[in-house]
Amino acid sequence: MPAAFTYQTGKDHWLTLTRARAIDQLSFVLCSNQVGQHTNEKRSFGHSLVYSPWGDLLYSAEEHIGTGVVSLDKDLIAKARARLNPFRDRAIYS
């Protein structure tokens, strides 16, 4: 998920929104966000991230330019979906 959040909106919302995407999709989410000062008035937040399907933070680049390596265990997707199964849970309320 590429992004270009400004510093202020990134500081206020980036971590929450990206973690929510991992949780609501029950999948790994890899988020790249621009970082640094672009002009005198525009600054990007950075904090490229990787979240697990359960919303655990696996990697954060903070405010640095670079790359990171994360091993993704595909079994975590099945485990998260077994823990939070909307189709199974929906039957309870029908």
PDB file of N, CA and C in Angstrom:
ATOM      1  N   MET A   1       0.845  -1.155   0.000  1.00  0.00           N
ATOM      2  CA  MET A   1       0.000   0.000   0.000  1.00  0.00           C
ATOM      3  C   MET A   1       0.903   1.234   0.000  1.00  0.00           C
ATOM      4  N   PRO A   2       1.105   1.872  -1.140  1.00  0.00           N
ATOM      5  CA  PRO A   2       1.929   3.085  -1.189  1.00  0.00           C
ATOM      6  C   PRO A   2       1.145   4.305  -0.711  1.00  0.00           C
ATOM      7  N   ALA A   3       1.841   5.245  -0.108  1.00  0.00           N
ATOM      8  CA  ALA A   3       1.168   6.434   0.406  1.00  0.00           C
ATOM      9  C   ALA A   3       2.118   7.619   0.443  1.00  0.00           C
ATOM     10  N   ALA A   4       1.537   8.789   0.644  1.00  0.00           N
ATOM     11  CA  ALA A   4       2.305  10.026   0.790  1.00  0.00           C
ATOM     12  C   ALA A   4       1.622  10.902   1.837  1.00  0.00           C
ATOM     13  N   PHE A   5       1.534  10.401   3.050  1.00  0.00           N
ATOM     14  CA  PHE A   5       0.905  11.161   4.129  1.00  0.00           C
ATOM     15  C   PHE A   5       1.819  12.313   4.529  1.00  0.00           C
ATOM     16  N   THR A   6       1.225  13.482   4.705  1.00  0.00           N
ATOM     17  CA  THR A   6       2.002  14.598   5.216  1.00  0.00           C
ATOM     18  C   THR A   6       2.381  14.301   6.662  1.00  0.00           C
ATOM     19  N   TYR A   7       3.298  15.084   7.188  1.00  0.00           N
ATOM     20  CA  TYR A   7       3.769  14.808   8.543  1.00  0.00           C
ATOM     21  C   TYR A   7       2.628  14.870   9.565  1.00  0.00           C
ATOM     22  N   GLN A   8       1.802  15.909   9.503  1.00  0.00           N
ATOM     23  CA  GLN A   8       0.750  16.061  10.517  1.00  0.00           C
ATOM     24  C   GLN A   8      -0.315  14.977  10.385  1.00  0.00           C
ATOM     25  N   THR A   9      -0.826  14.725   9.193  1.00  0.00           N
ATOM     26  CA  THR A   9      -1.850  13.689   9.063  1.00  0.00           C
ATOM     27  C   THR A   9      -1.261  12.309   9.315  1.00  0.00           C
ATOM     28  N   GLY A  10      -0.010  12.119   8.958  1.00  0.00           N
ATOM     29  CA  GLY A  10       0.649  10.852   9.258  1.00  0.00           C
ATOM     30  C   GLY A  10       0.768  10.630  10.752  1.00  0.00           C
ATOM     31  N   LYS A  11       1.208  11.665  11.445  1.00  0.00           N
ATOM     32  CA  LYS A  11       1.357  11.570  12.902  1.00  0.00           C
ATOM     33  C   LYS A  11       0.021  11.261  13.572  1.00  0.00           C
ATOM     34  N   ASP A  12      -1.043  11.849  13.060  1.00  0.00           N
ATOM     35  CA  ASP A  12      -2.365  11.671  13.666  1.00  0.00           C
ATOM     36  C   ASP A  12      -3.061  10.377  13.256  1.00  0.00           C
ATOM     37  N   HIS A  13      -2.829   9.892  12.023  1.00  0.00           N
ATOM     38  CA  HIS A  13      -3.667   8.817  11.498  1.00  0.00           C
ATOM     39  C   HIS A  13      -2.954   7.615  10.889  1.00  0.00           C
ATOM     40  N   TRP A  14      -1.733   7.749  10.412  1.00  0.00           N
ATOM     41  CA  TRP A  14      -1.079   6.694   9.631  1.00  0.00           C
ATOM     42  C   TRP A  14      -1.013   5.350  10.360  1.00  0.00           C
ATOM     43  N   LEU A  15      -0.530   5.331  11.566  1.00  0.00           N
ATOM     44  CA  LEU A  15      -0.386   4.070  12.297  1.00  0.00           C
ATOM     45  C   LEU A  15      -1.734   3.406  12.554  1.00  0.00           C
ATOM     46  N   THR A  16      -2.727   4.190  12.920  1.00  0.00           N
ATOM     47  CA  THR A  16      -4.058   3.644  13.193  1.00  0.00           C
ATOM     48  C   THR A  16      -4.704   3.080  11.934  1.00  0.00           C
ATOM     49  N   LEU A  17      -4.669   3.833  10.852  1.00  0.00           N
ATOM     50  CA  LEU A  17      -5.325   3.392   9.621  1.00  0.00           C
ATOM     51  C   LEU A  17      -4.654   2.164   9.008  1.00  0.00           C
ATOM     52  N   THR A  18      -3.333   2.126   9.022  1.00  0.00           N
ATOM     53  CA  THR A  18      -2.653   0.976   8.427  1.00  0.00           C
ATOM     54  C   THR A  18      -2.861  -0.285   9.263  1.00  0.00           C
ATOM     55  N   ARG A  19      -2.850  -0.148  10.567  1.00  0.00           N
ATOM     56  CA  ARG A  19      -3.118  -1.312  11.424  1.00  0.00           C
ATOM     57  C   ARG A  19      -4.553  -1.801  11.226  1.00  0.00           C
ATOM     58  N   ALA A  20      -5.478  -0.872  11.088  1.00  0.00           N
ATOM     59  CA  ALA A  20      -6.875  -1.251  10.853  1.00  0.00           C
ATOM     60  C   ALA A  20      -7.021  -2.034   9.554  1.00  0.00           C
ATOM     61  N   ARG A  21      -6.265  -1.672   8.512  1.00  0.00           N
ATOM     62  CA  ARG A  21      -6.334  -2.416   7.246  1.00  0.00           C
ATOM     63  C   ARG A  21      -5.901  -3.863   7.445  1.00  0.00           C
ATOM     64  N   ALA A  22      -4.868  -4.089   8.217  1.00  0.00           N
ATOM     65  CA  ALA A  22      -4.416  -5.462   8.474  1.00  0.00           C
ATOM     66  C   ALA A  22      -5.478  -6.240   9.230  1.00  0.00           C
ATOM     67  N   ILE A  23      -6.074  -5.615  10.230  1.00  0.00           N
ATOM     68  CA  ILE A  23      -7.074  -6.295  11.049  1.00  0.00           C
ATOM     69  C   ILE A  23      -8.348  -6.557  10.257  1.00  0.00           C
ATOM     70  N   ASP A  24      -8.845  -5.549   9.523  1.00  0.00           N
ATOM     71  CA  ASP A  24     -10.124  -5.775   8.844  1.00  0.00           C
ATOM     72  C   ASP A  24      -9.988  -6.692   7.630  1.00  0.00           C
ATOM     73  N   GLN A  25      -8.786  -6.820   7.076  1.00  0.00           N
ATOM     74  CA  GLN A  25      -8.571  -7.757   5.972  1.00  0.00           C
ATOM     75  C   GLN A  25      -8.032  -9.102   6.458  1.00  0.00           C
ATOM     76  N   LEU A  26      -7.628  -9.168   7.721  1.00  0.00           N
ATOM     77  CA  LEU A  26      -7.004 -10.366   8.290  1.00  0.00           C
ATOM     78  C   LEU A  26      -5.916 -10.885   7.363  1.00  0.00           C
ATOM     79  N   SER A  27      -5.032  -9.966   6.995  1.00  0.00           N
ATOM     80  CA  SER A  27      -3.957 -10.276   6.061  1.00  0.00           C
ATOM     81  C   SER A  27      -2.731  -9.439   6.418  1.00  0.00           C
ATOM     82  N   PHE A  28      -1.582  -9.825   5.881  1.00  0.00           N
ATOM     83  CA  PHE A  28      -0.405  -8.985   6.033  1.00  0.00           C
ATOM     84  C   PHE A  28      -0.631  -7.703   5.254  1.00  0.00           C
ATOM     85  N   VAL A  29      -0.173  -6.595   5.802  1.00  0.00           N
ATOM     86  CA  VAL A  29      -0.254  -5.320   5.101  1.00  0.00           C
ATOM     87  C   VAL A  29       1.136  -4.710   5.109  1.00  0.00           C
ATOM     88  N   LEU A  30       1.623  -4.415   3.917  1.00  0.00           N
ATOM     89  CA  LEU A  30       2.921  -3.785   3.731  1.00  0.00           C
ATOM     90  C   LEU A  30       2.656  -2.378   3.229  1.00  0.00           C
ATOM     91  N   CYS A  31       3.100  -1.397   3.982  1.00  0.00           N
ATOM     92  CA  CYS A  31       2.771   0.001   3.712  1.00  0.00           C
ATOM     93  C   CYS A  31       4.043   0.807   3.500  1.00  0.00           C
ATOM     94  N   SER A  32       4.175   1.388   2.328  1.00  0.00           N
ATOM     95  CA  SER A  32       5.309   2.286   2.086  1.00  0.00           C
ATOM     96  C   SER A  32       4.785   3.710   2.073  1.00  0.00           C
ATOM     97  N   ASN A  33       5.463   4.583   2.778  1.00  0.00           N
ATOM     98  CA  ASN A  33       5.040   5.973   2.878  1.00  0.00           C
ATOM     99  C   ASN A  33       6.243   6.862   2.630  1.00  0.00           C
ATOM    100  N   GLN A  34       6.056   7.896   1.817  1.00  0.00           N
ATOM    101  CA  GLN A  34       7.151   8.828   1.559  1.00  0.00           C
ATOM    102  C   GLN A  34       7.650   9.428   2.868  1.00  0.00           C
ATOM    103  N   VAL A  35       8.935   9.786   2.852  1.00  0.00           N
ATOM    104  CA  VAL A  35       9.530  10.368   4.051  1.00  0.00           C
ATOM    105  C   VAL A  35      10.407  11.546   3.655  1.00  0.00           C
ATOM    106  N   GLY A  36      10.470  12.522   4.530  1.00  0.00           N
ATOM    107  CA  GLY A  36      11.412  13.621   4.353  1.00  0.00           C
ATOM    108  C   GLY A  36      10.770  14.946   4.010  1.00  0.00           C
ATOM    109  N   GLN A  37      11.635  15.943   3.911  1.00  0.00           N
ATOM    110  CA  GLN A  37      11.232  17.309   3.579  1.00  0.00           C
ATOM    111  C   GLN A  37      11.300  17.455   2.068  1.00  0.00           C
ATOM    112  N   HIS A  38      10.178  17.799   1.427  1.00  0.00           N
ATOM    113  CA  HIS A  38      10.131  17.916  -0.031  1.00  0.00           C
ATOM    114  C   HIS A  38      10.271  19.357  -0.483  1.00  0.00           C
ATOM    115  N   THR A  39       9.659  20.269   0.189  1.00  0.00           N
ATOM    116  CA  THR A  39       9.773  21.710  -0.060  1.00  0.00           C
ATOM    117  C   THR A  39       9.812  22.371   1.304  1.00  0.00           C
ATOM    118  N   ASN A  40       9.874  23.664   1.304  1.00  0.00           N
ATOM    119  CA  ASN A  40       9.853  24.367   2.596  1.00  0.00           C
ATOM    120  C   ASN A  40       8.550  24.128   3.345  1.00  0.00           C
ATOM    121  N   GLU A  41       7.492  23.790   2.618  1.00  0.00           N
ATOM    122  CA  GLU A  41       6.190  23.653   3.254  1.00  0.00           C
ATOM    123  C   GLU A  41       5.699  22.218   3.333  1.00  0.00           C
ATOM    124  N   LYS A  42       6.279  21.307   2.576  1.00  0.00           N
ATOM    125  CA  LYS A  42       5.759  19.939   2.562  1.00  0.00           C
ATOM    126  C   LYS A  42       6.767  18.957   3.141  1.00  0.00           C
ATOM    127  N   ARG A  43       6.296  18.205   4.126  1.00  0.00           N
ATOM    128  CA  ARG A  43       7.102  17.178   4.785  1.00  0.00           C
ATOM    129  C   ARG A  43       6.262  15.914   4.870  1.00  0.00           C
ATOM    130  N   SER A  44       6.841  14.780   4.503  1.00  0.00           N
ATOM    131  CA  SER A  44       6.128  13.501   4.576  1.00  0.00           C
ATOM    132  C   SER A  44       6.502  12.759   5.854  1.00  0.00           C
ATOM    133  N   PHE A  45       5.554  11.961   6.343  1.00  0.00           N
ATOM    134  CA  PHE A  45       5.672  11.325   7.659  1.00  0.00           C
ATOM    135  C   PHE A  45       6.616  10.129   7.689  1.00  0.00           C
ATOM    136  N   GLY A  46       6.682   9.366   6.610  1.00  0.00           N
ATOM    137  CA  GLY A  46       7.509   8.158   6.643  1.00  0.00           C
ATOM    138  C   GLY A  46       6.817   7.037   7.383  1.00  0.00           C
ATOM    139  N   HIS A  47       7.574   6.293   8.150  1.00  0.00           N
ATOM    140  CA  HIS A  47       7.051   5.154   8.903  1.00  0.00           C
ATOM    141  C   HIS A  47       6.459   4.088   7.974  1.00  0.00           C
ATOM    142  N   SER A  48       7.244   3.662   6.978  1.00  0.00           N
ATOM    143  CA  SER A  48       6.819   2.498   6.204  1.00  0.00           C
ATOM    144  C   SER A  48       6.705   1.329   7.176  1.00  0.00           C
ATOM    145  N   LEU A  49       5.663   0.498   6.998  1.00  0.00           N
ATOM    146  CA  LEU A  49       5.304  -0.489   8.018  1.00  0.00           C
ATOM    147  C   LEU A  49       4.956  -1.839   7.422  1.00  0.00           C
ATOM    148  N   VAL A  50       5.062  -2.861   8.252  1.00  0.00           N
ATOM    149  CA  VAL A  50       4.514  -4.183   7.940  1.00  0.00           C
ATOM    150  C   VAL A  50       3.746  -4.647   9.166  1.00  0.00           C
ATOM    151  N   TYR A  51       2.480  -5.032   8.944  1.00  0.00           N
ATOM    152  CA  TYR A  51       1.629  -5.552  10.008  1.00  0.00           C
ATOM    153  C   TYR A  51       1.258  -6.997   9.721  1.00  0.00           C
ATOM    154  N   SER A  52       1.052  -7.757  10.779  1.00  0.00           N
ATOM    155  CA  SER A  52       0.573  -9.132  10.670  1.00  0.00           C
ATOM    156  C   SER A  52      -0.947  -9.119  10.505  1.00  0.00           C
ATOM    157  N   PRO A  53      -1.547 -10.261  10.151  1.00  0.00           N
ATOM    158  CA  PRO A  53      -2.999 -10.324  10.020  1.00  0.00           C
ATOM    159  C   PRO A  53      -3.752 -10.020  11.325  1.00  0.00           C
ATOM    160  N   TRP A  54      -3.103 -10.106  12.446  1.00  0.00           N
ATOM    161  CA  TRP A  54      -3.745  -9.809  13.729  1.00  0.00           C
ATOM    162  C   TRP A  54      -3.472  -8.369  14.163  1.00  0.00           C
ATOM    163  N   GLY A  55      -2.726  -7.618  13.353  1.00  0.00           N
ATOM    164  CA  GLY A  55      -2.443  -6.221  13.655  1.00  0.00           C
ATOM    165  C   GLY A  55      -1.170  -5.985  14.440  1.00  0.00           C
ATOM    166  N   ASP A  56      -0.324  -7.009  14.541  1.00  0.00           N
ATOM    167  CA  ASP A  56       0.962  -6.838  15.227  1.00  0.00           C
ATOM    168  C   ASP A  56       1.940  -6.139  14.294  1.00  0.00           C
ATOM    169  N   LEU A  57       2.641  -5.143  14.801  1.00  0.00           N
ATOM    170  CA  LEU A  57       3.637  -4.428  14.019  1.00  0.00           C
ATOM    171  C   LEU A  57       4.881  -5.295  13.880  1.00  0.00           C
ATOM    172  N   LEU A  58       5.245  -5.641  12.641  1.00  0.00           N
ATOM    173  CA  LEU A  58       6.408  -6.487  12.397  1.00  0.00           C
ATOM    174  C   LEU A  58       7.631  -5.683  11.966  1.00  0.00           C
ATOM    175  N   TYR A  59       7.408  -4.491  11.426  1.00  0.00           N
ATOM    176  CA  TYR A  59       8.521  -3.662  10.955  1.00  0.00           C
ATOM    177  C   TYR A  59       8.058  -2.216  10.851  1.00  0.00           C
ATOM    178  N   SER A  60       8.935  -1.298  11.212  1.00  0.00           N
ATOM    179  CA  SER A  60       8.698   0.128  10.997  1.00  0.00           C
ATOM    180  C   SER A  60      10.005   0.783  10.588  1.00  0.00           C
ATOM    181  N   ALA A  61       9.967   1.522   9.499  1.00  0.00           N
ATOM    182  CA  ALA A  61      11.159   2.235   9.037  1.00  0.00           C
ATOM    183  C   ALA A  61      11.330   3.568   9.761  1.00  0.00           C
ATOM    184  N   GLU A  62      10.364   3.907  10.615  1.00  0.00           N
ATOM    185  CA  GLU A  62      10.385   5.183  11.331  1.00  0.00           C
ATOM    186  C   GLU A  62      10.478   6.326  10.309  1.00  0.00           C
ATOM    187  N   GLU A  63      11.383   7.265  10.524  1.00  0.00           N
ATOM    188  CA  GLU A  63      11.541   8.379   9.583  1.00  0.00           C
ATOM    189  C   GLU A  63      12.833   8.234   8.800  1.00  0.00           C
ATOM    190  N   HIS A  64      13.121   7.016   8.357  1.00  0.00           N
ATOM    191  CA  HIS A  64      14.357   6.743   7.640  1.00  0.00           C
ATOM    192  C   HIS A  64      14.072   6.291   6.213  1.00  0.00           C
ATOM    193  N   ILE A  65      14.980   6.592   5.321  1.00  0.00           N
ATOM    194  CA  ILE A  65      14.946   6.075   3.954  1.00  0.00           C
ATOM    195  C   ILE A  65      15.695   4.758   3.964  1.00  0.00           C
ATOM    196  N   GLY A  66      15.147   3.742   3.324  1.00  0.00           N
ATOM    197  CA  GLY A  66      15.852   2.471   3.287  1.00  0.00           C
ATOM    198  C   GLY A  66      14.925   1.321   2.981  1.00  0.00           C
ATOM    199  N   THR A  67      15.421   0.138   3.219  1.00  0.00           N
ATOM    200  CA  THR A  67      14.632  -1.072   3.006  1.00  0.00           C
ATOM    201  C   THR A  67      14.703  -1.933   4.256  1.00  0.00           C
ATOM    202  N   GLY A  68      13.741  -2.819   4.374  1.00  0.00           N
ATOM    203  CA  GLY A  68      13.720  -3.748   5.487  1.00  0.00           C
ATOM    204  C   GLY A  68      13.340  -5.125   4.989  1.00  0.00           C
ATOM    205  N   VAL A  69      13.693  -6.125   5.744  1.00  0.00           N
ATOM    206  CA  VAL A  69      13.368  -7.505   5.387  1.00  0.00           C
ATOM    207  C   VAL A  69      12.559  -8.115   6.526  1.00  0.00           C
ATOM    208  N   VAL A  70      11.412  -8.685   6.177  1.00  0.00           N
ATOM    209  CA  VAL A  70      10.532  -9.317   7.154  1.00  0.00           C
ATOM    210  C   VAL A  70      10.118 -10.667   6.599  1.00  0.00           C
ATOM    211  N   SER A  71      10.190 -11.700   7.414  1.00  0.00           N
ATOM    212  CA  SER A  71       9.687 -13.017   7.015  1.00  0.00           C
ATOM    213  C   SER A  71       8.200 -13.083   7.335  1.00  0.00           C
ATOM    214  N   LEU A  72       7.409 -13.459   6.338  1.00  0.00           N
ATOM    215  CA  LEU A  72       5.959 -13.546   6.516  1.00  0.00           C
ATOM    216  C   LEU A  72       5.553 -15.008   6.589  1.00  0.00           C
ATOM    217  N   ASP A  73       4.932 -15.382   7.677  1.00  0.00           N
ATOM    218  CA  ASP A  73       4.461 -16.751   7.888  1.00  0.00           C
ATOM    219  C   ASP A  73       3.012 -16.827   7.417  1.00  0.00           C
ATOM    220  N   LYS A  74       2.778 -17.461   6.267  1.00  0.00           N
ATOM    221  CA  LYS A  74       1.427 -17.534   5.708  1.00  0.00           C
ATOM    222  C   LYS A  74       0.442 -18.232   6.640  1.00  0.00           C
ATOM    223  N   ASP A  75       0.916 -19.074   7.531  1.00  0.00           N
ATOM    224  CA  ASP A  75       0.027 -19.745   8.481  1.00  0.00           C
ATOM    225  C   ASP A  75      -0.661 -18.752   9.418  1.00  0.00           C
ATOM    226  N   LEU A  76      -0.052 -17.591   9.620  1.00  0.00           N
ATOM    227  CA  LEU A  76      -0.664 -16.580  10.485  1.00  0.00           C
ATOM    228  C   LEU A  76      -1.978 -16.063   9.916  1.00  0.00           C
ATOM    229  N   ILE A  77      -2.118 -16.069   8.596  1.00  0.00           N
ATOM    230  CA  ILE A  77      -3.375 -15.636   7.979  1.00  0.00           C
ATOM    231  C   ILE A  77      -4.495 -16.592   8.374  1.00  0.00           C
ATOM    232  N   ALA A  78      -4.257 -17.881   8.228  1.00  0.00           N
ATOM    233  CA  ALA A  78      -5.275 -18.882   8.585  1.00  0.00           C
ATOM    234  C   ALA A  78      -5.591 -18.832  10.078  1.00  0.00           C
ATOM    235  N   LYS A  79      -4.580 -18.641  10.903  1.00  0.00           N
ATOM    236  CA  LYS A  79      -4.807 -18.578  12.351  1.00  0.00           C
ATOM    237  C   LYS A  79      -5.656 -17.362  12.723  1.00  0.00           C
ATOM    238  N   ALA A  80      -5.357 -16.218  12.127  1.00  0.00           N
ATOM    239  CA  ALA A  80      -6.133 -15.006  12.419  1.00  0.00           C
ATOM    240  C   ALA A  80      -7.566 -15.164  11.942  1.00  0.00           C
ATOM    241  N   ARG A  81      -7.748 -15.746  10.769  1.00  0.00           N
ATOM    242  CA  ARG A  81      -9.105 -15.915  10.233  1.00  0.00           C
ATOM    243  C   ARG A  81      -9.896 -16.950  11.016  1.00  0.00           C
ATOM    244  N   ALA A  82      -9.225 -17.897  11.624  1.00  0.00           N
ATOM    245  CA  ALA A  82      -9.916 -18.872  12.477  1.00  0.00           C
ATOM    246  C   ALA A  82     -10.350 -18.218  13.793  1.00  0.00           C
ATOM    247  N   ARG A  83      -9.539 -17.294  14.316  1.00  0.00           N
ATOM    248  CA  ARG A  83      -9.863 -16.609  15.569  1.00  0.00           C
ATOM    249  C   ARG A  83     -11.029 -15.631  15.405  1.00  0.00           C
ATOM    250  N   LEU A  84     -11.104 -15.006  14.236  1.00  0.00           N
ATOM    251  CA  LEU A  84     -12.116 -13.981  13.996  1.00  0.00           C
ATOM    252  C   LEU A  84     -12.820 -14.313  12.681  1.00  0.00           C
ATOM    253  N   ASN A  85     -13.818 -15.157  12.782  1.00  0.00           N
ATOM    254  CA  ASN A  85     -14.516 -15.638  11.596  1.00  0.00           C
ATOM    255  C   ASN A  85     -15.913 -15.021  11.539  1.00  0.00           C
ATOM    256  N   PRO A  86     -16.110 -13.999  10.709  1.00  0.00           N
ATOM    257  CA  PRO A  86     -17.414 -13.327  10.683  1.00  0.00           C
ATOM    258  C   PRO A  86     -18.539 -14.230  10.193  1.00  0.00           C
ATOM    259  N   PHE A  87     -18.241 -15.198   9.342  1.00  0.00           N
ATOM    260  CA  PHE A  87     -19.278 -16.086   8.839  1.00  0.00           C
ATOM    261  C   PHE A  87     -19.754 -17.046   9.937  1.00  0.00           C
ATOM    262  N   ARG A  88     -18.827 -17.543  10.735  1.00  0.00           N
ATOM    263  CA  ARG A  88     -19.181 -18.407  11.863  1.00  0.00           C
ATOM    264  C   ARG A  88     -19.928 -17.591  12.918  1.00  0.00           C
ATOM    265  N   ASP A  89     -19.406 -16.421  13.232  1.00  0.00           N
ATOM    266  CA  ASP A  89     -20.009 -15.572  14.281  1.00  0.00           C
ATOM    267  C   ASP A  89     -21.371 -15.041  13.867  1.00  0.00           C
ATOM    268  N   ARG A  90     -21.591 -14.816  12.581  1.00  0.00           N
ATOM    269  CA  ARG A  90     -22.877 -14.316  12.103  1.00  0.00           C
ATOM    270  C   ARG A  90     -24.000 -15.311  12.397  1.00  0.00           C
ATOM    271  N   ALA A  91     -23.692 -16.592  12.350  1.00  0.00           N
ATOM    272  CA  ALA A  91     -24.704 -17.628  12.587  1.00  0.00           C
ATOM    273  C   ALA A  91     -25.270 -17.559  14.010  1.00  0.00           C
ATOM    274  N   ILE A  92     -24.477 -17.061  14.928  1.00  0.00           N
ATOM    275  CA  ILE A  92     -24.918 -16.946  16.320  1.00  0.00           C
ATOM    276  C   ILE A  92     -26.084 -15.966  16.433  1.00  0.00           C
ATOM    277  N   TYR A  93     -26.069 -14.917  15.629  1.00  0.00           N
ATOM    278  CA  TYR A  93     -27.054 -13.841  15.740  1.00  0.00           C
ATOM    279  C   TYR A  93     -28.205 -13.991  14.754  1.00  0.00           C
ATOM    280  N   SER A  94     -28.220 -15.026  13.944  1.00  0.00           N
ATOM    281  CA  SER A  94     -29.294 -15.199  12.950  1.00  0.00           C
ATOM    282  C   SER A  94     -30.563 -15.730  13.572  1.00  0.00           C
TER     283      SER A  94
END
